[in-house]
Structures are given as structure tokens and as C-alpha cells.
Amino acid sequence: MFVNALHPKSAVFFLAFLPQLVDAAAGPVLAQALVLGAVFAAIAFVSDTTWGLAAGTLGPRLKAGARRALRRWGSGSAFVALGVGTALSATRRAV
């Protein structure tokens, strides 16, 4: 919760997008902003908790010896494929 509250990305989100969702004609602006902030915090809490539980559950399973080699070669191959794909997809700009 503290990381999300003190992270600059969260501050930019609240300062840039939250005011666009508040309707002054619909009631007190502060109450609307607090409700929207609470909804965002609840969604972030559920999301972060889900990722934490998934990582805690799958972490020990992914540390197995055979899977470690597969992960190393698989991730290396993925990075090479992404690099080749990026190199081949370069577009030429008209000058």
C-alpha cells in the first residue's frame, strides 16, 4: 500500500485521470474523488495479493532442476527471437 501511495506513477494517475472522472454536478467533488480512490486501492490490493499468492505458490515449483534449464534456454531463445524480430521489422522513414 505504501509503495503504491508513494510511487510517482500513482500520483500522476490520480492527478491526470481522476479529475476527468469526477462530475461536479453529481455531488460533492471530494466525496467522488475519495470513492474513486478507494475503488482504485481495492482493485490494486486484490491484484497485488493475487500476484503475491501466485508467485509464492509457483516459485518453489519453478526452482526444480530440469525446469531451471528449460527456463534459461527458453527465456534466452525468446530474447534472441525478439531481437531478430525487432531488427527485421525496422521501417524506413521517408526523408
PDB file of N, CA and C in Angstrom:
ATOM      1  N   MET A   1       0.818  -1.181   0.000  1.00  0.00           N
ATOM      2  CA  MET A   1       0.000   0.000   0.000  1.00  0.00           C
ATOM      3  C   MET A   1       0.869   1.255   0.000  1.00  0.00           C
ATOM      4  N   PHE A   2       1.961   1.231   0.792  1.00  0.00           N
ATOM      5  CA  PHE A   2       2.822   2.405   0.853  1.00  0.00           C
ATOM      6  C   PHE A   2       3.578   2.610  -0.449  1.00  0.00           C
ATOM      7  N   VAL A   3       3.969   1.504  -1.089  1.00  0.00           N
ATOM      8  CA  VAL A   3       4.681   1.623  -2.364  1.00  0.00           C
ATOM      9  C   VAL A   3       3.779   2.277  -3.401  1.00  0.00           C
ATOM     10  N   ASN A   4       2.540   1.840  -3.486  1.00  0.00           N
ATOM     11  CA  ASN A   4       1.607   2.440  -4.446  1.00  0.00           C
ATOM     12  C   ASN A   4       1.307   3.892  -4.101  1.00  0.00           C
ATOM     13  N   ALA A   5       1.208   4.206  -2.829  1.00  0.00           N
ATOM     14  CA  ALA A   5       0.878   5.573  -2.427  1.00  0.00           C
ATOM     15  C   ALA A   5       2.023   6.540  -2.708  1.00  0.00           C
ATOM     16  N   LEU A   6       3.255   6.076  -2.576  1.00  0.00           N
ATOM     17  CA  LEU A   6       4.412   6.958  -2.746  1.00  0.00           C
ATOM     18  C   LEU A   6       5.043   6.866  -4.124  1.00  0.00           C
ATOM     19  N   HIS A   7       4.513   6.022  -4.973  1.00  0.00           N
ATOM     20  CA  HIS A   7       5.083   5.847  -6.313  1.00  0.00           C
ATOM     21  C   HIS A   7       4.652   7.005  -7.212  1.00  0.00           C
ATOM     22  N   PRO A   8       5.586   7.594  -7.958  1.00  0.00           N
ATOM     23  CA  PRO A   8       5.227   8.735  -8.827  1.00  0.00           C
ATOM     24  C   PRO A   8       4.176   8.397  -9.873  1.00  0.00           C
ATOM     25  N   LYS A   9       4.168   7.155 -10.347  1.00  0.00           N
ATOM     26  CA  LYS A   9       3.179   6.757 -11.350  1.00  0.00           C
ATOM     27  C   LYS A   9       1.763   6.853 -10.787  1.00  0.00           C
ATOM     28  N   SER A  10       1.591   6.477  -9.548  1.00  0.00           N
ATOM     29  CA  SER A  10       0.268   6.592  -8.926  1.00  0.00           C
ATOM     30  C   SER A  10      -0.139   8.048  -8.779  1.00  0.00           C
ATOM     31  N   ALA A  11       0.803   8.896  -8.401  1.00  0.00           N
ATOM     32  CA  ALA A  11       0.487  10.320  -8.264  1.00  0.00           C
ATOM     33  C   ALA A  11       0.090  10.920  -9.607  1.00  0.00           C
ATOM     34  N   VAL A  12       0.801  10.553 -10.656  1.00  0.00           N
ATOM     35  CA  VAL A  12       0.466  11.057 -11.989  1.00  0.00           C
ATOM     36  C   VAL A  12      -0.922  10.566 -12.405  1.00  0.00           C
ATOM     37  N   PHE A  13      -1.231   9.318 -12.113  1.00  0.00           N
ATOM     38  CA  PHE A  13      -2.553   8.780 -12.435  1.00  0.00           C
ATOM     39  C   PHE A  13      -3.643   9.584 -11.736  1.00  0.00           C
ATOM     40  N   PHE A  14      -3.478   9.784 -10.435  1.00  0.00           N
ATOM     41  CA  PHE A  14      -4.522  10.483  -9.690  1.00  0.00           C
ATOM     42  C   PHE A  14      -4.640  11.946 -10.105  1.00  0.00           C
ATOM     43  N   LEU A  15      -3.526  12.577 -10.420  1.00  0.00           N
ATOM     44  CA  LEU A  15      -3.583  13.986 -10.805  1.00  0.00           C
ATOM     45  C   LEU A  15      -4.061  14.188 -12.240  1.00  0.00           C
ATOM     46  N   ALA A  16      -3.815  13.218 -13.123  1.00  0.00           N
ATOM     47  CA  ALA A  16      -4.166  13.387 -14.532  1.00  0.00           C
ATOM     48  C   ALA A  16      -5.540  12.808 -14.886  1.00  0.00           C
ATOM     49  N   PHE A  17      -5.856  11.634 -14.393  1.00  0.00           N
ATOM     50  CA  PHE A  17      -7.058  10.949 -14.845  1.00  0.00           C
ATOM     51  C   PHE A  17      -8.232  11.036 -13.877  1.00  0.00           C
ATOM     52  N   LEU A  18      -7.961  11.052 -12.605  1.00  0.00           N
ATOM     53  CA  LEU A  18      -9.050  11.061 -11.642  1.00  0.00           C
ATOM     54  C   LEU A  18      -9.947  12.290 -11.766  1.00  0.00           C
ATOM     55  N   PRO A  19      -9.411  13.508 -11.943  1.00  0.00           N
ATOM     56  CA  PRO A  19     -10.305  14.661 -12.095  1.00  0.00           C
ATOM     57  C   PRO A  19     -11.239  14.558 -13.306  1.00  0.00           C
ATOM     58  N   GLN A  20     -10.834  13.842 -14.329  1.00  0.00           N
ATOM     59  CA  GLN A  20     -11.690  13.695 -15.501  1.00  0.00           C
ATOM     60  C   GLN A  20     -12.898  12.801 -15.226  1.00  0.00           C
ATOM     61  N   LEU A  21     -12.822  11.998 -14.188  1.00  0.00           N
ATOM     62  CA  LEU A  21     -13.908  11.083 -13.850  1.00  0.00           C
ATOM     63  C   LEU A  21     -14.885  11.682 -12.840  1.00  0.00           C
ATOM     64  N   VAL A  22     -14.539  12.825 -12.277  1.00  0.00           N
ATOM     65  CA  VAL A  22     -15.386  13.466 -11.278  1.00  0.00           C
ATOM     66  C   VAL A  22     -16.326  14.442 -11.969  1.00  0.00           C
ATOM     67  N   ASP A  23     -17.603  14.364 -11.621  1.00  0.00           N
ATOM     68  CA  ASP A  23     -18.625  15.246 -12.192  1.00  0.00           C
ATOM     69  C   ASP A  23     -19.108  16.189 -11.098  1.00  0.00           C
ATOM     70  N   ALA A  24     -18.835  17.478 -11.249  1.00  0.00           N
ATOM     71  CA  ALA A  24     -19.208  18.465 -10.232  1.00  0.00           C
ATOM     72  C   ALA A  24     -20.719  18.548 -10.051  1.00  0.00           C
ATOM     73  N   ALA A  25     -21.475  18.243 -11.080  1.00  0.00           N
ATOM     74  CA  ALA A  25     -22.932  18.315 -10.985  1.00  0.00           C
ATOM     75  C   ALA A  25     -23.531  17.118 -10.253  1.00  0.00           C
ATOM     76  N   ALA A  26     -22.749  16.060 -10.065  1.00  0.00           N
ATOM     77  CA  ALA A  26     -23.275  14.837  -9.461  1.00  0.00           C
ATOM     78  C   ALA A  26     -23.175  14.824  -7.937  1.00  0.00           C
ATOM     79  N   GLY A  27     -22.587  15.848  -7.339  1.00  0.00           N
ATOM     80  CA  GLY A  27     -22.472  15.868  -5.888  1.00  0.00           C
ATOM     81  C   GLY A  27     -21.117  16.392  -5.459  1.00  0.00           C
ATOM     82  N   PRO A  28     -20.800  16.203  -4.183  1.00  0.00           N
ATOM     83  CA  PRO A  28     -19.527  16.720  -3.656  1.00  0.00           C
ATOM     84  C   PRO A  28     -18.324  16.096  -4.380  1.00  0.00           C
ATOM     85  N   VAL A  29     -17.445  16.966  -4.850  1.00  0.00           N
ATOM     86  CA  VAL A  29     -16.295  16.508  -5.625  1.00  0.00           C
ATOM     87  C   VAL A  29     -15.342  15.691  -4.756  1.00  0.00           C
ATOM     88  N   LEU A  30     -15.121  16.139  -3.525  1.00  0.00           N
ATOM     89  CA  LEU A  30     -14.206  15.424  -2.635  1.00  0.00           C
ATOM     90  C   LEU A  30     -14.703  14.003  -2.367  1.00  0.00           C
ATOM     91  N   ALA A  31     -15.987  13.837  -2.141  1.00  0.00           N
ATOM     92  CA  ALA A  31     -16.548  12.506  -1.890  1.00  0.00           C
ATOM     93  C   ALA A  31     -16.381  11.606  -3.112  1.00  0.00           C
ATOM     94  N   GLN A  32     -16.619  12.153  -4.295  1.00  0.00           N
ATOM     95  CA  GLN A  32     -16.442  11.363  -5.519  1.00  0.00           C
ATOM     96  C   GLN A  32     -14.986  10.940  -5.679  1.00  0.00           C
ATOM     97  N   ALA A  33     -14.062  11.873  -5.435  1.00  0.00           N
ATOM     98  CA  ALA A  33     -12.640  11.557  -5.567  1.00  0.00           C
ATOM     99  C   ALA A  33     -12.222  10.497  -4.558  1.00  0.00           C
ATOM    100  N   LEU A  34     -12.735  10.590  -3.340  1.00  0.00           N
ATOM    101  CA  LEU A  34     -12.400   9.587  -2.321  1.00  0.00           C
ATOM    102  C   LEU A  34     -12.957   8.215  -2.685  1.00  0.00           C
ATOM    103  N   VAL A  35     -14.165   8.165  -3.217  1.00  0.00           N
ATOM    104  CA  VAL A  35     -14.746   6.875  -3.620  1.00  0.00           C
ATOM    105  C   VAL A  35     -13.945   6.265  -4.767  1.00  0.00           C
ATOM    106  N   LEU A  36     -13.612   7.085  -5.758  1.00  0.00           N
ATOM    107  CA  LEU A  36     -12.821   6.569  -6.885  1.00  0.00           C
ATOM    108  C   LEU A  36     -11.447   6.120  -6.433  1.00  0.00           C
ATOM    109  N   GLY A  37     -10.838   6.865  -5.516  1.00  0.00           N
ATOM    110  CA  GLY A  37      -9.539   6.456  -4.970  1.00  0.00           C
ATOM    111  C   GLY A  37      -9.636   5.155  -4.190  1.00  0.00           C
ATOM    112  N   ALA A  38     -10.716   4.995  -3.431  1.00  0.00           N
ATOM    113  CA  ALA A  38     -10.911   3.756  -2.670  1.00  0.00           C
ATOM    114  C   ALA A  38     -11.119   2.568  -3.597  1.00  0.00           C
ATOM    115  N   VAL A  39     -11.865   2.767  -4.674  1.00  0.00           N
ATOM    116  CA  VAL A  39     -12.067   1.692  -5.654  1.00  0.00           C
ATOM    117  C   VAL A  39     -10.735   1.301  -6.286  1.00  0.00           C
ATOM    118  N   PHE A  40      -9.928   2.302  -6.649  1.00  0.00           N
ATOM    119  CA  PHE A  40      -8.610   2.018  -7.212  1.00  0.00           C
ATOM    120  C   PHE A  40      -7.751   1.252  -6.216  1.00  0.00           C
ATOM    121  N   ALA A  41      -7.758   1.672  -4.944  1.00  0.00           N
ATOM    122  CA  ALA A  41      -6.959   0.997  -3.924  1.00  0.00           C
ATOM    123  C   ALA A  41      -7.414  -0.445  -3.727  1.00  0.00           C
ATOM    124  N   ALA A  42      -8.717  -0.680  -3.751  1.00  0.00           N
ATOM    125  CA  ALA A  42      -9.236  -2.041  -3.585  1.00  0.00           C
ATOM    126  C   ALA A  42      -8.823  -2.933  -4.753  1.00  0.00           C
ATOM    127  N   ILE A  43      -8.931  -2.405  -5.963  1.00  0.00           N
ATOM    128  CA  ILE A  43      -8.521  -3.189  -7.135  1.00  0.00           C
ATOM    129  C   ILE A  43      -7.027  -3.480  -7.089  1.00  0.00           C
ATOM    130  N   ALA A  44      -6.233  -2.487  -6.706  1.00  0.00           N
ATOM    131  CA  ALA A  44      -4.788  -2.686  -6.606  1.00  0.00           C
ATOM    132  C   ALA A  44      -4.449  -3.712  -5.527  1.00  0.00           C
ATOM    133  N   PHE A  45      -5.159  -3.678  -4.406  1.00  0.00           N
ATOM    134  CA  PHE A  45      -4.923  -4.639  -3.331  1.00  0.00           C
ATOM    135  C   PHE A  45      -5.216  -6.061  -3.784  1.00  0.00           C
ATOM    136  N   VAL A  46      -6.347  -6.253  -4.440  1.00  0.00           N
ATOM    137  CA  VAL A  46      -6.711  -7.595  -4.926  1.00  0.00           C
ATOM    138  C   VAL A  46      -5.703  -8.076  -5.968  1.00  0.00           C
ATOM    139  N   SER A  47      -5.322  -7.194  -6.876  1.00  0.00           N
ATOM    140  CA  SER A  47      -4.362  -7.555  -7.919  1.00  0.00           C
ATOM    141  C   SER A  47      -3.008  -7.913  -7.322  1.00  0.00           C
ATOM    142  N   ASP A  48      -2.487  -7.065  -6.432  1.00  0.00           N
ATOM    143  CA  ASP A  48      -1.178  -7.330  -5.832  1.00  0.00           C
ATOM    144  C   ASP A  48      -1.197  -8.593  -4.976  1.00  0.00           C
ATOM    145  N   THR A  49      -2.296  -8.810  -4.261  1.00  0.00           N
ATOM    146  CA  THR A  49      -2.415 -10.016  -3.443  1.00  0.00           C
ATOM    147  C   THR A  49      -2.443 -11.267  -4.319  1.00  0.00           C
ATOM    148  N   THR A  50      -3.159 -11.207  -5.420  1.00  0.00           N
ATOM    149  CA  THR A  50      -3.220 -12.351  -6.336  1.00  0.00           C
ATOM    150  C   THR A  50      -1.842 -12.671  -6.896  1.00  0.00           C
ATOM    151  N   TRP A  51      -1.126 -11.637  -7.350  1.00  0.00           N
ATOM    152  CA  TRP A  51       0.232 -11.871  -7.874  1.00  0.00           C
ATOM    153  C   TRP A  51       1.154 -12.418  -6.791  1.00  0.00           C
ATOM    154  N   GLY A  52       1.046 -11.915  -5.579  1.00  0.00           N
ATOM    155  CA  GLY A  52       1.881 -12.408  -4.486  1.00  0.00           C
ATOM    156  C   GLY A  52       1.605 -13.859  -4.148  1.00  0.00           C
ATOM    157  N   LEU A  53       0.332 -14.212  -4.078  1.00  0.00           N
ATOM    158  CA  LEU A  53      -0.020 -15.607  -3.783  1.00  0.00           C
ATOM    159  C   LEU A  53       0.406 -16.540  -4.923  1.00  0.00           C
ATOM    160  N   ALA A  54       0.236 -16.084  -6.155  1.00  0.00           N
ATOM    161  CA  ALA A  54       0.654 -16.911  -7.294  1.00  0.00           C
ATOM    162  C   ALA A  54       2.161 -17.104  -7.301  1.00  0.00           C
ATOM    163  N   ALA A  55       2.900 -16.054  -7.023  1.00  0.00           N
ATOM    164  CA  ALA A  55       4.364 -16.179  -7.001  1.00  0.00           C
ATOM    165  C   ALA A  55       4.819 -17.077  -5.861  1.00  0.00           C
ATOM    166  N   GLY A  56       4.173 -16.958  -4.706  1.00  0.00           N
ATOM    167  CA  GLY A  56       4.535 -17.806  -3.575  1.00  0.00           C
ATOM    168  C   GLY A  56       4.205 -19.267  -3.812  1.00  0.00           C
ATOM    169  N   THR A  57       3.141 -19.529  -4.544  1.00  0.00           N
ATOM    170  CA  THR A  57       2.747 -20.902  -4.826  1.00  0.00           C
ATOM    171  C   THR A  57       3.597 -21.523  -5.936  1.00  0.00           C
ATOM    172  N   LEU A  58       3.829 -20.768  -6.999  1.00  0.00           N
ATOM    173  CA  LEU A  58       4.551 -21.313  -8.149  1.00  0.00           C
ATOM    174  C   LEU A  58       6.064 -21.224  -8.012  1.00  0.00           C
ATOM    175  N   GLY A  59       6.561 -20.356  -7.140  1.00  0.00           N
ATOM    176  CA  GLY A  59       8.004 -20.161  -7.004  1.00  0.00           C
ATOM    177  C   GLY A  59       8.784 -21.439  -6.729  1.00  0.00           C
ATOM    178  N   PRO A  60       8.430 -22.198  -5.706  1.00  0.00           N
ATOM    179  CA  PRO A  60       9.173 -23.431  -5.426  1.00  0.00           C
ATOM    180  C   PRO A  60       9.103 -24.458  -6.562  1.00  0.00           C
ATOM    181  N   ARG A  61       7.993 -24.480  -7.246  1.00  0.00           N
ATOM    182  CA  ARG A  61       7.853 -25.431  -8.354  1.00  0.00           C
ATOM    183  C   ARG A  61       8.755 -25.063  -9.525  1.00  0.00           C
ATOM    184  N   LEU A  62       8.960 -23.767  -9.729  1.00  0.00           N
ATOM    185  CA  LEU A  62       9.780 -23.328 -10.852  1.00  0.00           C
ATOM    186  C   LEU A  62      11.274 -23.455 -10.579  1.00  0.00           C
ATOM    187  N   LYS A  63      11.633 -23.731  -9.344  1.00  0.00           N
ATOM    188  CA  LYS A  63      13.039 -23.860  -9.000  1.00  0.00           C
ATOM    189  C   LYS A  63      13.588 -25.268  -9.238  1.00  0.00           C
ATOM    190  N   ALA A  64      12.770 -26.149  -9.716  1.00  0.00           N
ATOM    191  CA  ALA A  64      13.211 -27.525  -9.972  1.00  0.00           C
ATOM    192  C   ALA A  64      14.331 -27.526 -11.006  1.00  0.00           C
ATOM    193  N   GLY A  65      15.263 -28.483 -10.907  1.00  0.00           N
ATOM    194  CA  GLY A  65      16.447 -28.519 -11.756  1.00  0.00           C
ATOM    195  C   GLY A  65      16.160 -28.591 -13.247  1.00  0.00           C
ATOM    196  N   ALA A  66      15.297 -29.476 -13.677  1.00  0.00           N
ATOM    197  CA  ALA A  66      15.006 -29.625 -15.106  1.00  0.00           C
ATOM    198  C   ALA A  66      14.311 -28.377 -15.642  1.00  0.00           C
ATOM    199  N   ARG A  67      13.467 -27.809 -14.847  1.00  0.00           N
ATOM    200  CA  ARG A  67      12.753 -26.616 -15.297  1.00  0.00           C
ATOM    201  C   ARG A  67      13.665 -25.399 -15.338  1.00  0.00           C
ATOM    202  N   ARG A  68      14.689 -25.397 -14.494  1.00  0.00           N
ATOM    203  CA  ARG A  68      15.613 -24.266 -14.492  1.00  0.00           C
ATOM    204  C   ARG A  68      16.338 -24.173 -15.823  1.00  0.00           C
ATOM    205  N   ALA A  69      16.786 -25.296 -16.352  1.00  0.00           N
ATOM    206  CA  ALA A  69      17.474 -25.288 -17.649  1.00  0.00           C
ATOM    207  C   ALA A  69      16.508 -24.893 -18.764  1.00  0.00           C
ATOM    208  N   LEU A  70      15.293 -25.406 -18.704  1.00  0.00           N
ATOM    209  CA  LEU A  70      14.297 -25.048 -19.711  1.00  0.00           C
ATOM    210  C   LEU A  70      13.987 -23.555 -19.664  1.00  0.00           C
ATOM    211  N   ARG A  71      13.871 -23.014 -18.468  1.00  0.00           N
ATOM    212  CA  ARG A  71      13.629 -21.580 -18.317  1.00  0.00           C
ATOM    213  C   ARG A  71      14.783 -20.766 -18.881  1.00  0.00           C
ATOM    214  N   ARG A  72      16.008 -21.192 -18.575  1.00  0.00           N
ATOM    215  CA  ARG A  72      17.170 -20.444 -19.036  1.00  0.00           C
ATOM    216  C   ARG A  72      17.247 -20.445 -20.554  1.00  0.00           C
ATOM    217  N   TRP A  73      17.123 -21.616 -21.150  1.00  0.00           N
ATOM    218  CA  TRP A  73      17.202 -21.688 -22.614  1.00  0.00           C
ATOM    219  C   TRP A  73      15.970 -21.094 -23.273  1.00  0.00           C
ATOM    220  N   GLY A  74      14.814 -21.296 -22.661  1.00  0.00           N
ATOM    221  CA  GLY A  74      13.581 -20.734 -23.214  1.00  0.00           C
ATOM    222  C   GLY A  74      13.576 -19.223 -23.188  1.00  0.00           C
ATOM    223  N   SER A  75      13.976 -18.640 -22.060  1.00  0.00           N
ATOM    224  CA  SER A  75      13.996 -17.179 -21.988  1.00  0.00           C
ATOM    225  C   SER A  75      15.084 -16.603 -22.880  1.00  0.00           C
ATOM    226  N   GLY A  76      16.219 -17.269 -22.968  1.00  0.00           N
ATOM    227  CA  GLY A  76      17.275 -16.806 -23.874  1.00  0.00           C
ATOM    228  C   GLY A  76      16.827 -16.850 -25.320  1.00  0.00           C
ATOM    229  N   SER A  77      16.175 -17.921 -25.696  1.00  0.00           N
ATOM    230  CA  SER A  77      15.668 -18.039 -27.068  1.00  0.00           C
ATOM    231  C   SER A  77      14.601 -16.988 -27.355  1.00  0.00           C
ATOM    232  N   ALA A  78      13.762 -16.699 -26.366  1.00  0.00           N
ATOM    233  CA  ALA A  78      12.732 -15.678 -26.550  1.00  0.00           C
ATOM    234  C   ALA A  78      13.361 -14.312 -26.767  1.00  0.00           C
ATOM    235  N   PHE A  79      14.395 -13.985 -26.000  1.00  0.00           N
ATOM    236  CA  PHE A  79      15.059 -12.697 -26.179  1.00  0.00           C
ATOM    237  C   PHE A  79      15.745 -12.600 -27.530  1.00  0.00           C
ATOM    238  N   VAL A  80      16.376 -13.695 -27.969  1.00  0.00           N
ATOM    239  CA  VAL A  80      17.006 -13.688 -29.292  1.00  0.00           C
ATOM    240  C   VAL A  80      15.946 -13.521 -30.375  1.00  0.00           C
ATOM    241  N   ALA A  81      14.832 -14.229 -30.248  1.00  0.00           N
ATOM    242  CA  ALA A  81      13.760 -14.107 -31.238  1.00  0.00           C
ATOM    243  C   ALA A  81      13.184 -12.694 -31.259  1.00  0.00           C
ATOM    244  N   LEU A  82      13.015 -12.092 -30.091  1.00  0.00           N
ATOM    245  CA  LEU A  82      12.526 -10.717 -30.045  1.00  0.00           C
ATOM    246  C   LEU A  82      13.519  -9.749 -30.681  1.00  0.00           C
ATOM    247  N   GLY A  83      14.804  -9.964 -30.443  1.00  0.00           N
ATOM    248  CA  GLY A  83      15.816  -9.111 -31.054  1.00  0.00           C
ATOM    249  C   GLY A  83      15.843  -9.243 -32.556  1.00  0.00           C
ATOM    250  N   VAL A  84      15.767 -10.480 -33.055  1.00  0.00           N
ATOM    251  CA  VAL A  84      15.746 -10.695 -34.503  1.00  0.00           C
ATOM    252  C   VAL A  84      14.479 -10.101 -35.108  1.00  0.00           C
ATOM    253  N   GLY A  85      13.363 -10.296 -34.453  1.00  0.00           N
ATOM    254  CA  GLY A  85      12.105  -9.728 -34.945  1.00  0.00           C
ATOM    255  C   GLY A  85      12.155  -8.203 -34.986  1.00  0.00           C
ATOM    256  N   THR A  86      12.745  -7.608 -33.972  1.00  0.00           N
ATOM    257  CA  THR A  86      12.879  -6.152 -33.960  1.00  0.00           C
ATOM    258  C   THR A  86      13.808  -5.668 -35.057  1.00  0.00           C
ATOM    259  N   ALA A  87      14.914  -6.375 -35.245  1.00  0.00           N
ATOM    260  CA  ALA A  87      15.868  -5.985 -36.282  1.00  0.00           C
ATOM    261  C   ALA A  87      15.252  -6.106 -37.687  1.00  0.00           C
ATOM    262  N   LEU A  88      14.453  -7.115 -37.909  1.00  0.00           N
ATOM    263  CA  LEU A  88      13.866  -7.324 -39.234  1.00  0.00           C
ATOM    264  C   LEU A  88      12.640  -6.468 -39.491  1.00  0.00           C
ATOM    265  N   SER A  89      12.051  -5.922 -38.429  1.00  0.00           N
ATOM    266  CA  SER A  89      10.835  -5.133 -38.620  1.00  0.00           C
ATOM    267  C   SER A  89      11.102  -3.635 -38.690  1.00  0.00           C
ATOM    268  N   ALA A  90      12.349  -3.262 -38.821  1.00  0.00           N
ATOM    269  CA  ALA A  90      12.670  -1.828 -38.880  1.00  0.00           C
ATOM    270  C   ALA A  90      12.018  -1.228 -40.131  1.00  0.00           C
ATOM    271  N   THR A  91      11.378  -0.118 -39.940  1.00  0.00           N
ATOM    272  CA  THR A  91      10.739   0.556 -41.058  1.00  0.00           C
ATOM    273  C   THR A  91      11.614   1.702 -41.516  1.00  0.00           C
ATOM    274  N   ARG A  92      11.579   1.974 -42.802  1.00  0.00           N
ATOM    275  CA  ARG A  92      12.357   3.073 -43.350  1.00  0.00           C
ATOM    276  C   ARG A  92      11.487   4.309 -43.382  1.00  0.00           C
ATOM    277  N   ARG A  93      12.050   5.393 -42.928  1.00  0.00           N
ATOM    278  CA  ARG A  93      11.308   6.651 -42.925  1.00  0.00           C
ATOM    279  C   ARG A  93      11.686   7.467 -44.143  1.00  0.00           C
ATOM    280  N   ALA A  94      10.699   8.090 -44.722  1.00  0.00           N
ATOM    281  CA  ALA A  94      10.957   8.953 -45.874  1.00  0.00           C
ATOM    282  C   ALA A  94      11.582  10.255 -45.370  1.00  0.00           C
ATOM    283  N   VAL A  95      12.649  10.642 -46.016  1.00  0.00           N
ATOM    284  CA  VAL A  95      13.345  11.856 -45.570  1.00  0.00           C
ATOM    285  C   VAL A  95      12.897  13.033 -46.392  1.00  0.00           C
TER     286      VAL A  95
END
